[in-house]
Amino acid sequence: MNTHPTSLSRREMITRGVQAVTAGFLGSALAETKAASSETLVQQLYGSMDEAQRKTLCFAWSDPRRLKVDNNWHITPQKIRDVLKPDQQELVREIFDKLHSDEYKSEVWRQFDHDNKGDGGFGSASIALFGEPGTSQFEFVLTGRHCTRRCDGDSEKGVAFGGPIFYGHAAQGFNEKPDHPGNAYWYQAKRANEVFQALDGKQRDLALLGESRDEDGNDTVKLTGKTKGLEGIPLTELSADQKDLVKKVIADLLKPFRQSEREESMKYIEAGGFDNLHMAFFKNQDVGKDGVWDVWQIEGPNMVWFFRGDPHVHCWAHIRAPQKA
C-alpha cells in the first residue's frame, strides 16, 4: 500500500500557484489600502481624473472656496455621483472614512447617510481639489448637508483640520426633542452640561448668557485673538477639578476625528493657553425649557467650537496656531 501523498498533476500545480499569487496580491492590495492615508488617497483620486473631471473639480490654491465653511452647501454644483466613476466614488468614501477615528466613524457614517438620504445619500455630496495633490500645497474638501470636511496634508500651515469644519445631525426631524434621541453628537452636549452642573452660583452667573452668536458661514468661527473679554466664564475662574471636566469636553469634541487631527488640535489649544479659554451656555435657546443647555461654546484666542443644539445639532469648529504679535 502506497502511503506517500498523491503527486499533484501539472494542472493542479498551476492552479495552486495562481491561487497563491492571487491571494498574495489581494492581501498586499488590502494591506496597502488599509495603510493608505486620506492624503495618499487624494493623490490617487487626482491621478485617476481625466481632463474633463479636473476642469470641473480642480481649482487654484488661491480660490476662496477652499476655506469656506457652511452647514449645508455644495462646493461645486456637480454631485460626485454625476461627475465621478464608481471606483472614484469609492476612493472619496475611503478618504472621508479615514478622516475619522476608528472608534467613532460608524456614528459619523450613520449621521451622514441619514441627513443626506433625501438627496440620494453619499453620491449627493460634492468635492473640490485645490492646488496639486502630492505637492506641498493641496487641499481636498467634501461638502453636503451637515458636512464640511478637509484633507490637506498640513499644506495650510498652523491650522487644524485644514481650516474650519462643520458637522451636525437632525436625527428625528428638523425639530428635535429635548433629549435629542438618536443624535450622533448629543453626547458632547451632555458632557458640556456636566461642567455647568459643577459650577457654583457665582460661576453660573458668568457662564450663562442670553443669545448665542449667529450662524453665518465663516463669520461663525471667526477668531478674535483675544485672551480676555470673550463670552462666558474664563477658565481662570474654575477649580482644578472643573478644568478637568472642560478637558473631557474637548476630548469628546475631538473624539470623531483621526488621531493626527486630535493631536494637532490639542497642540494649538495648549499653545494658545488653556486658561485663556472661555466657556458659555445660552439660556434663550433651551429646547424643552429643562435647564439642560442645548447651545454652548468654548472659545479662546485661537479656537472656537460652537455647539448649537436648537432645533437640531449644528457644530462649528476652527482651531489654529496662535498668531504671533
C-alpha atoms as a PDB file:
ATOM      1  CA  MET A   1       0.000   0.000   0.000  1.00  0.00           C
ATOM      2  CA  ASN A   2       1.405   3.355  -1.012  1.00  0.00           C
ATOM      3  CA  THR A   3       1.460   5.693   1.987  1.00  0.00           C
ATOM      4  CA  HIS A   4       3.110   8.614   0.158  1.00  0.00           C
ATOM      5  CA  PRO A   5       0.965  11.637  -0.753  1.00  0.00           C
ATOM      6  CA  THR A   6      -0.532  11.507  -4.208  1.00  0.00           C
ATOM      7  CA  SER A   7       1.572  13.520  -6.680  1.00  0.00           C
ATOM      8  CA  LEU A   8      -0.007  16.722  -7.953  1.00  0.00           C
ATOM      9  CA  SER A   9      -0.878  16.931 -11.605  1.00  0.00           C
ATOM     10  CA  ARG A  10       0.605  19.729 -13.715  1.00  0.00           C
ATOM     11  CA  ARG A  11      -2.806  21.411 -13.894  1.00  0.00           C
ATOM     12  CA  GLU A  12      -3.225  21.276 -10.089  1.00  0.00           C
ATOM     13  CA  MET A  13       0.233  22.731  -9.583  1.00  0.00           C
ATOM     14  CA  ILE A  14      -0.504  25.610 -11.938  1.00  0.00           C
ATOM     15  CA  THR A  15      -3.903  26.230 -10.296  1.00  0.00           C
ATOM     16  CA  ARG A  16      -2.425  26.302  -6.804  1.00  0.00           C
ATOM     17  CA  GLY A  17       0.354  28.594  -7.964  1.00  0.00           C
ATOM     18  CA  VAL A  18      -2.125  31.053  -9.448  1.00  0.00           C
ATOM     19  CA  GLN A  19      -4.220  30.933  -6.261  1.00  0.00           C
ATOM     20  CA  ALA A  20      -1.165  31.651  -4.124  1.00  0.00           C
ATOM     21  CA  VAL A  21      -0.077  34.570  -6.304  1.00  0.00           C
ATOM     22  CA  THR A  22      -3.630  35.945  -6.384  1.00  0.00           C
ATOM     23  CA  ALA A  23      -4.004  35.619  -2.611  1.00  0.00           C
ATOM     24  CA  GLY A  24      -0.680  37.338  -2.108  1.00  0.00           C
ATOM     25  CA  PHE A  25      -1.640  40.160  -4.486  1.00  0.00           C
ATOM     26  CA  LEU A  26      -5.041  40.695  -2.877  1.00  0.00           C
ATOM     27  CA  GLY A  27      -3.548  40.579   0.600  1.00  0.00           C
ATOM     28  CA  SER A  28      -0.925  43.118  -0.413  1.00  0.00           C
ATOM     29  CA  ALA A  29      -3.554  45.347  -2.034  1.00  0.00           C
ATOM     30  CA  LEU A  30      -5.791  45.197   1.028  1.00  0.00           C
ATOM     31  CA  ALA A  31      -2.875  45.968   3.332  1.00  0.00           C
ATOM     32  CA  GLU A  32      -1.870  48.896   1.102  1.00  0.00           C
ATOM     33  CA  THR A  33      -5.421  50.297   1.134  1.00  0.00           C
ATOM     34  CA  LYS A  34      -5.641  49.889   4.893  1.00  0.00           C
ATOM     35  CA  ALA A  35      -2.295  51.632   5.395  1.00  0.00           C
ATOM     36  CA  ALA A  36      -3.073  54.466   2.971  1.00  0.00           C
ATOM     37  CA  SER A  37      -3.883  57.855   4.469  1.00  0.00           C
ATOM     38  CA  SER A  38      -6.559  60.218   3.243  1.00  0.00           C
ATOM     39  CA  GLU A  39      -3.777  62.326   1.734  1.00  0.00           C
ATOM     40  CA  THR A  40      -2.330  59.495  -0.389  1.00  0.00           C
ATOM     41  CA  LEU A  41      -5.838  58.533  -1.486  1.00  0.00           C
ATOM     42  CA  VAL A  42      -6.475  62.130  -2.581  1.00  0.00           C
ATOM     43  CA  GLN A  43      -3.342  61.900  -4.710  1.00  0.00           C
ATOM     44  CA  GLN A  44      -4.625  58.621  -6.168  1.00  0.00           C
ATOM     45  CA  LEU A  45      -8.010  60.202  -6.916  1.00  0.00           C
ATOM     46  CA  TYR A  46      -6.367  63.150  -8.640  1.00  0.00           C
ATOM     47  CA  GLY A  47      -4.215  60.825 -10.741  1.00  0.00           C
ATOM     48  CA  SER A  48      -7.311  58.915 -11.895  1.00  0.00           C
ATOM     49  CA  MET A  49      -9.128  62.008 -13.173  1.00  0.00           C
ATOM     50  CA  ASP A  50      -9.458  62.795 -16.841  1.00  0.00           C
ATOM     51  CA  GLU A  51      -9.203  66.308 -18.242  1.00  0.00           C
ATOM     52  CA  ALA A  52     -12.939  66.985 -18.045  1.00  0.00           C
ATOM     53  CA  GLN A  53     -13.113  65.932 -14.390  1.00  0.00           C
ATOM     54  CA  ARG A  54     -10.142  68.089 -13.460  1.00  0.00           C
ATOM     55  CA  LYS A  55     -11.687  71.069 -15.199  1.00  0.00           C
ATOM     56  CA  THR A  56     -14.862  70.546 -13.149  1.00  0.00           C
ATOM     57  CA  LEU A  57     -13.385  69.696  -9.741  1.00  0.00           C
ATOM     58  CA  CYS A  58      -9.844  71.119  -9.536  1.00  0.00           C
ATOM     59  CA  PHE A  59      -9.017  74.730  -8.743  1.00  0.00           C
ATOM     60  CA  ALA A  60      -6.169  77.027  -7.834  1.00  0.00           C
ATOM     61  CA  TRP A  61      -4.880  77.064  -4.259  1.00  0.00           C
ATOM     62  CA  SER A  62      -5.924  80.736  -4.013  1.00  0.00           C
ATOM     63  CA  ASP A  63      -9.599  80.013  -4.788  1.00  0.00           C
ATOM     64  CA  PRO A  64     -11.690  81.492  -1.909  1.00  0.00           C
ATOM     65  CA  ARG A  65     -13.902  78.406  -1.767  1.00  0.00           C
ATOM     66  CA  ARG A  66     -11.008  76.430  -0.317  1.00  0.00           C
ATOM     67  CA  LEU A  67     -11.525  77.751   3.222  1.00  0.00           C
ATOM     68  CA  LYS A  68     -15.278  78.319   3.094  1.00  0.00           C
ATOM     69  CA  VAL A  69     -17.446  76.575   5.690  1.00  0.00           C
ATOM     70  CA  ASP A  70     -21.225  76.269   5.995  1.00  0.00           C
ATOM     71  CA  ASN A  71     -23.870  73.951   7.373  1.00  0.00           C
ATOM     72  CA  ASN A  72     -25.495  72.808   4.118  1.00  0.00           C
ATOM     73  CA  TRP A  73     -23.803  73.568   0.826  1.00  0.00           C
ATOM     74  CA  HIS A  74     -22.074  72.215  -2.262  1.00  0.00           C
ATOM     75  CA  ILE A  75     -18.586  73.438  -3.020  1.00  0.00           C
ATOM     76  CA  THR A  76     -19.237  72.650  -6.689  1.00  0.00           C
ATOM     77  CA  PRO A  77     -22.671  72.299  -8.303  1.00  0.00           C
ATOM     78  CA  GLN A  78     -21.784  68.839  -9.609  1.00  0.00           C
ATOM     79  CA  LYS A  79     -22.524  65.955  -7.248  1.00  0.00           C
ATOM     80  CA  ILE A  80     -19.951  63.193  -7.072  1.00  0.00           C
ATOM     81  CA  ARG A  81     -22.385  60.613  -8.465  1.00  0.00           C
ATOM     82  CA  ASP A  82     -22.679  62.724 -11.642  1.00  0.00           C
ATOM     83  CA  VAL A  83     -19.017  63.511 -12.223  1.00  0.00           C
ATOM     84  CA  LEU A  84     -17.012  60.595 -10.770  1.00  0.00           C
ATOM     85  CA  LYS A  85     -16.826  56.983 -11.876  1.00  0.00           C
ATOM     86  CA  PRO A  86     -17.871  54.280  -9.352  1.00  0.00           C
ATOM     87  CA  ASP A  87     -14.277  53.424  -8.410  1.00  0.00           C
ATOM     88  CA  GLN A  88     -13.502  57.118  -7.919  1.00  0.00           C
ATOM     89  CA  GLN A  89     -16.568  57.488  -5.716  1.00  0.00           C
ATOM     90  CA  GLU A  90     -15.240  54.616  -3.604  1.00  0.00           C
ATOM     91  CA  LEU A  91     -11.932  56.494  -3.248  1.00  0.00           C
ATOM     92  CA  VAL A  92     -13.847  59.532  -1.973  1.00  0.00           C
ATOM     93  CA  ARG A  93     -15.655  57.311   0.527  1.00  0.00           C
ATOM     94  CA  GLU A  94     -12.323  55.978   1.752  1.00  0.00           C
ATOM     95  CA  ILE A  95     -10.839  59.481   2.017  1.00  0.00           C
ATOM     96  CA  PHE A  96     -13.801  60.617   4.126  1.00  0.00           C
ATOM     97  CA  ASP A  97     -13.728  57.441   6.216  1.00  0.00           C
ATOM     98  CA  LYS A  98     -10.055  57.822   7.108  1.00  0.00           C
ATOM     99  CA  LEU A  99     -10.575  61.407   8.291  1.00  0.00           C
ATOM    100  CA  HIS A 100     -12.439  59.920  11.268  1.00  0.00           C
ATOM    101  CA  SER A 101     -11.488  57.771  14.228  1.00  0.00           C
ATOM    102  CA  ASP A 102     -11.991  54.016  14.210  1.00  0.00           C
ATOM    103  CA  GLU A 103     -13.841  54.489  17.491  1.00  0.00           C
ATOM    104  CA  TYR A 104     -16.492  56.844  16.124  1.00  0.00           C
ATOM    105  CA  LYS A 105     -16.591  56.598  12.327  1.00  0.00           C
ATOM    106  CA  SER A 106     -19.655  54.311  12.322  1.00  0.00           C
ATOM    107  CA  GLU A 107     -21.638  57.107  14.003  1.00  0.00           C
ATOM    108  CA  VAL A 108     -20.287  59.658  11.536  1.00  0.00           C
ATOM    109  CA  TRP A 109     -21.482  57.473   8.667  1.00  0.00           C
ATOM    110  CA  ARG A 110     -24.849  56.933  10.327  1.00  0.00           C
ATOM    111  CA  GLN A 111     -25.316  60.692  10.610  1.00  0.00           C
ATOM    112  CA  PHE A 112     -24.124  61.442   7.079  1.00  0.00           C
ATOM    113  CA  ASP A 113     -26.233  58.730   5.466  1.00  0.00           C
ATOM    114  CA  HIS A 114     -29.315  59.791   7.432  1.00  0.00           C
ATOM    115  CA  ASP A 115     -29.046  63.513   6.774  1.00  0.00           C
ATOM    116  CA  ASN A 116     -28.271  63.128   3.073  1.00  0.00           C
ATOM    117  CA  LYS A 117     -30.627  60.272   2.211  1.00  0.00           C
ATOM    118  CA  GLY A 118     -33.305  62.629   0.867  1.00  0.00           C
ATOM    119  CA  ASP A 119     -30.862  63.819  -1.778  1.00  0.00           C
ATOM    120  CA  GLY A 120     -29.552  60.397  -2.688  1.00  0.00           C
ATOM    121  CA  GLY A 121     -27.008  59.603   0.029  1.00  0.00           C
ATOM    122  CA  PHE A 122     -23.241  59.847  -0.269  1.00  0.00           C
ATOM    123  CA  GLY A 123     -23.397  60.372  -4.019  1.00  0.00           C
ATOM    124  CA  SER A 124     -25.139  63.695  -3.398  1.00  0.00           C
ATOM    125  CA  ALA A 125     -22.037  65.170  -1.727  1.00  0.00           C
ATOM    126  CA  SER A 126     -19.698  67.409  -3.688  1.00  0.00           C
ATOM    127  CA  ILE A 127     -15.918  67.715  -3.662  1.00  0.00           C
ATOM    128  CA  ALA A 128     -13.214  70.052  -4.860  1.00  0.00           C
ATOM    129  CA  LEU A 129      -9.429  69.816  -5.014  1.00  0.00           C
ATOM    130  CA  PHE A 130      -7.215  72.885  -4.671  1.00  0.00           C
ATOM    131  CA  GLY A 131      -3.577  73.057  -5.663  1.00  0.00           C
ATOM    132  CA  GLU A 132      -1.955  69.807  -6.787  1.00  0.00           C
ATOM    133  CA  PRO A 133      -2.177  66.663  -4.632  1.00  0.00           C
ATOM    134  CA  GLY A 134       1.232  65.156  -3.978  1.00  0.00           C
ATOM    135  CA  THR A 135       2.888  68.549  -3.676  1.00  0.00           C
ATOM    136  CA  SER A 136       3.348  70.735  -0.592  1.00  0.00           C
ATOM    137  CA  GLN A 137       0.226  72.714  -1.413  1.00  0.00           C
ATOM    138  CA  PHE A 138      -3.068  70.926  -1.897  1.00  0.00           C
ATOM    139  CA  GLU A 139      -6.440  70.559  -0.210  1.00  0.00           C
ATOM    140  CA  PHE A 140      -9.418  68.261  -0.695  1.00  0.00           C
ATOM    141  CA  VAL A 141     -12.823  69.476   0.538  1.00  0.00           C
ATOM    142  CA  LEU A 142     -16.049  67.467   0.799  1.00  0.00           C
ATOM    143  CA  THR A 143     -19.387  69.151   1.480  1.00  0.00           C
ATOM    144  CA  GLY A 144     -23.056  68.243   1.855  1.00  0.00           C
ATOM    145  CA  ARG A 145     -25.831  68.615   4.387  1.00  0.00           C
ATOM    146  CA  HIS A 146     -24.297  68.932   7.851  1.00  0.00           C
ATOM    147  CA  CYS A 147     -20.801  68.398   6.494  1.00  0.00           C
ATOM    148  CA  THR A 148     -17.685  70.380   5.663  1.00  0.00           C
ATOM    149  CA  ARG A 149     -14.515  68.260   5.882  1.00  0.00           C
ATOM    150  CA  ARG A 150     -10.993  68.863   4.656  1.00  0.00           C
ATOM    151  CA  CYS A 151      -7.801  66.956   3.944  1.00  0.00           C
ATOM    152  CA  ASP A 152      -4.638  68.923   3.230  1.00  0.00           C
ATOM    153  CA  GLY A 153      -1.549  67.087   4.473  1.00  0.00           C
ATOM    154  CA  ASP A 154      -0.761  70.179   6.577  1.00  0.00           C
ATOM    155  CA  SER A 155      -0.495  72.349   3.466  1.00  0.00           C
ATOM    156  CA  GLU A 156      -2.455  75.049   5.300  1.00  0.00           C
ATOM    157  CA  LYS A 157       0.204  75.682   7.911  1.00  0.00           C
ATOM    158  CA  GLY A 158      -0.759  76.100  11.545  1.00  0.00           C
ATOM    159  CA  VAL A 159      -4.410  75.152  11.093  1.00  0.00           C
ATOM    160  CA  ALA A 160      -6.124  72.047  12.470  1.00  0.00           C
ATOM    161  CA  PHE A 161      -8.385  70.128  10.069  1.00  0.00           C
ATOM    162  CA  GLY A 162      -7.010  72.192   7.164  1.00  0.00           C
ATOM    163  CA  GLY A 163      -9.395  75.024   8.070  1.00  0.00           C
ATOM    164  CA  PRO A 164     -12.809  75.473   9.706  1.00  0.00           C
ATOM    165  CA  ILE A 165     -15.112  72.455   9.641  1.00  0.00           C
ATOM    166  CA  PHE A 166     -18.781  71.733  10.247  1.00  0.00           C
ATOM    167  CA  TYR A 167     -20.712  68.690  11.423  1.00  0.00           C
ATOM    168  CA  GLY A 168     -24.262  68.180  12.680  1.00  0.00           C
ATOM    169  CA  HIS A 169     -27.286  65.902  12.794  1.00  0.00           C
ATOM    170  CA  ALA A 170     -31.053  66.172  12.541  1.00  0.00           C
ATOM    171  CA  ALA A 171     -31.800  62.739  13.949  1.00  0.00           C
ATOM    172  CA  GLN A 172     -35.561  62.983  14.497  1.00  0.00           C
ATOM    173  CA  GLY A 173     -36.723  65.566  12.008  1.00  0.00           C
ATOM    174  CA  PHE A 174     -35.937  69.271  11.898  1.00  0.00           C
ATOM    175  CA  ASN A 175     -37.137  69.981  15.468  1.00  0.00           C
ATOM    176  CA  GLU A 176     -35.593  67.511  17.872  1.00  0.00           C
ATOM    177  CA  LYS A 177     -36.963  66.617  21.285  1.00  0.00           C
ATOM    178  CA  PRO A 178     -35.207  67.951  24.396  1.00  0.00           C
ATOM    179  CA  ASP A 179     -33.152  64.776  24.871  1.00  0.00           C
ATOM    180  CA  HIS A 180     -32.241  64.636  21.168  1.00  0.00           C
ATOM    181  CA  PRO A 181     -32.878  60.874  20.762  1.00  0.00           C
ATOM    182  CA  GLY A 182     -30.606  59.180  18.266  1.00  0.00           C
ATOM    183  CA  ASN A 183     -28.439  62.236  17.680  1.00  0.00           C
ATOM    184  CA  ALA A 184     -24.863  61.204  16.883  1.00  0.00           C
ATOM    185  CA  TYR A 185     -23.372  64.236  18.633  1.00  0.00           C
ATOM    186  CA  TRP A 186     -25.650  64.950  21.584  1.00  0.00           C
ATOM    187  CA  TYR A 187     -23.185  63.127  23.846  1.00  0.00           C
ATOM    188  CA  GLN A 188     -20.955  66.200  23.507  1.00  0.00           C
ATOM    189  CA  ALA A 189     -23.639  68.480  24.955  1.00  0.00           C
ATOM    190  CA  LYS A 190     -24.285  66.065  27.813  1.00  0.00           C
ATOM    191  CA  ARG A 191     -20.608  66.251  28.721  1.00  0.00           C
ATOM    192  CA  ALA A 192     -20.646  70.059  28.490  1.00  0.00           C
ATOM    193  CA  ASN A 193     -23.645  70.201  30.822  1.00  0.00           C
ATOM    194  CA  GLU A 194     -21.604  68.280  33.396  1.00  0.00           C
ATOM    195  CA  VAL A 195     -19.348  71.329  33.532  1.00  0.00           C
ATOM    196  CA  PHE A 196     -22.305  73.636  34.154  1.00  0.00           C
ATOM    197  CA  GLN A 197     -23.661  71.388  36.889  1.00  0.00           C
ATOM    198  CA  ALA A 198     -20.284  71.550  38.628  1.00  0.00           C
ATOM    199  CA  LEU A 199     -20.317  75.374  38.750  1.00  0.00           C
ATOM    200  CA  ASP A 200     -21.373  77.307  41.837  1.00  0.00           C
ATOM    201  CA  GLY A 201     -23.852  80.194  41.729  1.00  0.00           C
ATOM    202  CA  LYS A 202     -21.317  82.925  41.030  1.00  0.00           C
ATOM    203  CA  GLN A 203     -19.666  80.880  38.304  1.00  0.00           C
ATOM    204  CA  ARG A 204     -23.025  80.143  36.672  1.00  0.00           C
ATOM    205  CA  ASP A 205     -23.771  83.850  36.523  1.00  0.00           C
ATOM    206  CA  LEU A 206     -20.608  84.304  34.469  1.00  0.00           C
ATOM    207  CA  ALA A 207     -21.185  81.269  32.271  1.00  0.00           C
ATOM    208  CA  LEU A 208     -24.905  81.539  31.445  1.00  0.00           C
ATOM    209  CA  LEU A 209     -25.803  84.161  28.853  1.00  0.00           C
ATOM    210  CA  GLY A 210     -28.856  85.041  26.762  1.00  0.00           C
ATOM    211  CA  GLU A 211     -28.494  84.756  22.998  1.00  0.00           C
ATOM    212  CA  SER A 212     -25.735  82.886  21.184  1.00  0.00           C
ATOM    213  CA  ARG A 213     -23.806  84.018  18.128  1.00  0.00           C
ATOM    214  CA  ASP A 214     -25.458  83.966  14.707  1.00  0.00           C
ATOM    215  CA  GLU A 215     -24.756  81.223  12.219  1.00  0.00           C
ATOM    216  CA  ASP A 216     -23.234  82.960   9.222  1.00  0.00           C
ATOM    217  CA  GLY A 217     -20.726  80.800   7.421  1.00  0.00           C
ATOM    218  CA  ASN A 218     -17.110  81.685   8.131  1.00  0.00           C
ATOM    219  CA  ASP A 219     -18.100  84.563  10.402  1.00  0.00           C
ATOM    220  CA  THR A 220     -19.491  81.954  12.816  1.00  0.00           C
ATOM    221  CA  VAL A 221     -15.971  80.731  13.542  1.00  0.00           C
ATOM    222  CA  LYS A 222     -14.017  83.948  13.142  1.00  0.00           C
ATOM    223  CA  LEU A 223     -11.133  84.017  15.622  1.00  0.00           C
ATOM    224  CA  THR A 224     -10.590  87.156  17.685  1.00  0.00           C
ATOM    225  CA  GLY A 225      -7.075  86.620  19.036  1.00  0.00           C
ATOM    226  CA  LYS A 226      -8.343  87.943  22.390  1.00  0.00           C
ATOM    227  CA  THR A 227      -7.468  86.350  25.717  1.00  0.00           C
ATOM    228  CA  LYS A 228      -9.897  88.491  27.719  1.00  0.00           C
ATOM    229  CA  GLY A 229     -13.424  89.748  27.185  1.00  0.00           C
ATOM    230  CA  LEU A 230     -14.680  86.642  25.428  1.00  0.00           C
ATOM    231  CA  GLU A 231     -18.181  85.345  26.139  1.00  0.00           C
ATOM    232  CA  GLY A 232     -18.747  83.191  29.199  1.00  0.00           C
ATOM    233  CA  ILE A 233     -16.634  82.195  32.160  1.00  0.00           C
ATOM    234  CA  PRO A 234     -12.849  82.300  31.810  1.00  0.00           C
ATOM    235  CA  LEU A 235     -11.219  79.073  32.862  1.00  0.00           C
ATOM    236  CA  THR A 236      -9.117  81.020  35.356  1.00  0.00           C
ATOM    237  CA  GLU A 237     -12.315  81.109  37.433  1.00  0.00           C
ATOM    238  CA  LEU A 238     -12.518  77.316  37.597  1.00  0.00           C
ATOM    239  CA  SER A 239     -11.033  74.893  40.098  1.00  0.00           C
ATOM    240  CA  ALA A 240      -8.652  72.159  39.003  1.00  0.00           C
ATOM    241  CA  ASP A 241     -11.473  69.585  39.082  1.00  0.00           C
ATOM    242  CA  GLN A 242     -13.713  71.824  36.982  1.00  0.00           C
ATOM    243  CA  LYS A 243     -10.924  72.383  34.457  1.00  0.00           C
ATOM    244  CA  ASP A 244     -10.538  68.627  34.163  1.00  0.00           C
ATOM    245  CA  LEU A 245     -14.220  68.444  33.203  1.00  0.00           C
ATOM    246  CA  VAL A 246     -13.617  71.011  30.452  1.00  0.00           C
ATOM    247  CA  LYS A 247     -10.716  68.905  29.191  1.00  0.00           C
ATOM    248  CA  LYS A 248     -13.117  65.959  28.968  1.00  0.00           C
ATOM    249  CA  VAL A 249     -15.476  68.110  26.892  1.00  0.00           C
ATOM    250  CA  ILE A 250     -12.674  68.940  24.464  1.00  0.00           C
ATOM    251  CA  ALA A 251     -11.696  65.266  24.269  1.00  0.00           C
ATOM    252  CA  ASP A 252     -15.305  64.403  23.392  1.00  0.00           C
ATOM    253  CA  LEU A 253     -15.419  67.123  20.733  1.00  0.00           C
ATOM    254  CA  LEU A 254     -12.323  65.651  19.097  1.00  0.00           C
ATOM    255  CA  LYS A 255     -13.445  62.031  19.506  1.00  0.00           C
ATOM    256  CA  PRO A 256     -14.903  61.605  15.978  1.00  0.00           C
ATOM    257  CA  PHE A 257     -11.701  62.637  14.197  1.00  0.00           C
ATOM    258  CA  ARG A 258      -8.486  60.842  13.289  1.00  0.00           C
ATOM    259  CA  GLN A 259      -5.615  60.773  15.749  1.00  0.00           C
ATOM    260  CA  SER A 260      -3.394  63.208  13.859  1.00  0.00           C
ATOM    261  CA  GLU A 261      -6.141  65.869  13.866  1.00  0.00           C
ATOM    262  CA  ARG A 262      -6.813  65.358  17.568  1.00  0.00           C
ATOM    263  CA  GLU A 263      -3.143  65.741  18.399  1.00  0.00           C
ATOM    264  CA  GLU A 264      -2.703  68.831  16.235  1.00  0.00           C
ATOM    265  CA  SER A 265      -5.827  70.433  17.701  1.00  0.00           C
ATOM    266  CA  MET A 266      -4.658  69.868  21.280  1.00  0.00           C
ATOM    267  CA  LYS A 267      -1.209  71.229  20.445  1.00  0.00           C
ATOM    268  CA  TYR A 268      -2.695  74.503  19.215  1.00  0.00           C
ATOM    269  CA  ILE A 269      -5.224  74.767  22.064  1.00  0.00           C
ATOM    270  CA  GLU A 270      -2.467  74.311  24.628  1.00  0.00           C
ATOM    271  CA  ALA A 271      -0.205  76.763  22.784  1.00  0.00           C
ATOM    272  CA  GLY A 272      -2.963  79.374  22.995  1.00  0.00           C
ATOM    273  CA  GLY A 273      -3.198  78.836  26.748  1.00  0.00           C
ATOM    274  CA  PHE A 274      -5.772  76.556  28.336  1.00  0.00           C
ATOM    275  CA  ASP A 275      -6.552  79.223  30.939  1.00  0.00           C
ATOM    276  CA  ASN A 276      -7.325  81.674  28.129  1.00  0.00           C
ATOM    277  CA  LEU A 277     -10.345  79.609  27.114  1.00  0.00           C
ATOM    278  CA  HIS A 278     -13.870  80.724  27.999  1.00  0.00           C
ATOM    279  CA  MET A 279     -16.989  78.568  28.176  1.00  0.00           C
ATOM    280  CA  ALA A 280     -20.502  79.915  27.671  1.00  0.00           C
ATOM    281  CA  PHE A 281     -24.026  78.485  27.788  1.00  0.00           C
ATOM    282  CA  PHE A 282     -27.097  80.183  26.310  1.00  0.00           C
ATOM    283  CA  LYS A 283     -30.403  80.074  28.150  1.00  0.00           C
ATOM    284  CA  ASN A 284     -32.636  81.590  25.463  1.00  0.00           C
ATOM    285  CA  GLN A 285     -32.283  78.528  23.231  1.00  0.00           C
ATOM    286  CA  ASP A 286     -33.177  75.859  25.770  1.00  0.00           C
ATOM    287  CA  VAL A 287     -35.130  73.134  23.968  1.00  0.00           C
ATOM    288  CA  GLY A 288     -37.827  71.901  26.331  1.00  0.00           C
ATOM    289  CA  LYS A 289     -37.043  74.588  28.935  1.00  0.00           C
ATOM    290  CA  ASP A 290     -35.435  71.902  31.069  1.00  0.00           C
ATOM    291  CA  GLY A 291     -32.234  73.661  32.117  1.00  0.00           C
ATOM    292  CA  VAL A 292     -30.128  71.298  30.021  1.00  0.00           C
ATOM    293  CA  TRP A 293     -28.351  73.790  27.812  1.00  0.00           C
ATOM    294  CA  ASP A 294     -28.604  72.871  24.141  1.00  0.00           C
ATOM    295  CA  VAL A 295     -26.440  75.732  22.900  1.00  0.00           C
ATOM    296  CA  TRP A 296     -22.936  76.363  24.248  1.00  0.00           C
ATOM    297  CA  GLN A 297     -19.401  77.084  23.120  1.00  0.00           C
ATOM    298  CA  ILE A 298     -15.738  77.014  24.040  1.00  0.00           C
ATOM    299  CA  GLU A 299     -13.692  79.936  22.746  1.00  0.00           C
ATOM    300  CA  GLY A 300     -10.119  81.131  23.099  1.00  0.00           C
ATOM    301  CA  PRO A 301      -7.811  83.475  21.220  1.00  0.00           C
ATOM    302  CA  ASN A 302      -7.067  80.853  18.563  1.00  0.00           C
ATOM    303  CA  MET A 303     -10.024  78.469  18.704  1.00  0.00           C
ATOM    304  CA  VAL A 304     -13.800  78.350  18.746  1.00  0.00           C
ATOM    305  CA  TRP A 305     -16.102  75.347  18.969  1.00  0.00           C
ATOM    306  CA  PHE A 306     -19.747  76.363  18.788  1.00  0.00           C
ATOM    307  CA  PHE A 307     -22.411  73.735  19.533  1.00  0.00           C
ATOM    308  CA  ARG A 308     -25.930  74.772  18.573  1.00  0.00           C
ATOM    309  CA  GLY A 309     -28.497  72.144  19.557  1.00  0.00           C
ATOM    310  CA  ASP A 310     -31.630  74.152  18.745  1.00  0.00           C
ATOM    311  CA  PRO A 311     -33.659  72.989  16.807  1.00  0.00           C
ATOM    312  CA  HIS A 312     -31.185  70.201  15.967  1.00  0.00           C
ATOM    313  CA  VAL A 313     -27.417  69.882  16.243  1.00  0.00           C
ATOM    314  CA  HIS A 314     -25.048  72.162  14.336  1.00  0.00           C
ATOM    315  CA  CYS A 315     -21.358  72.240  15.295  1.00  0.00           C
ATOM    316  CA  TRP A 316     -18.817  74.733  14.018  1.00  0.00           C
ATOM    317  CA  ALA A 317     -15.089  74.394  14.741  1.00  0.00           C
ATOM    318  CA  HIS A 318     -11.957  76.370  13.952  1.00  0.00           C
ATOM    319  CA  ILE A 319      -8.584  75.833  15.626  1.00  0.00           C
ATOM    320  CA  ARG A 320      -5.234  77.250  14.576  1.00  0.00           C
ATOM    321  CA  ALA A 321      -1.813  78.022  15.983  1.00  0.00           C
ATOM    322  CA  PRO A 322      -1.643  81.269  17.997  1.00  0.00           C
ATOM    323  CA  GLN A 323      -0.870  84.260  15.842  1.00  0.00           C
ATOM    324  CA  LYS A 324       2.413  85.990  16.596  1.00  0.00           C
ATOM    325  CA  ALA A 325       2.107  89.543  17.856  1.00  0.00           C
END
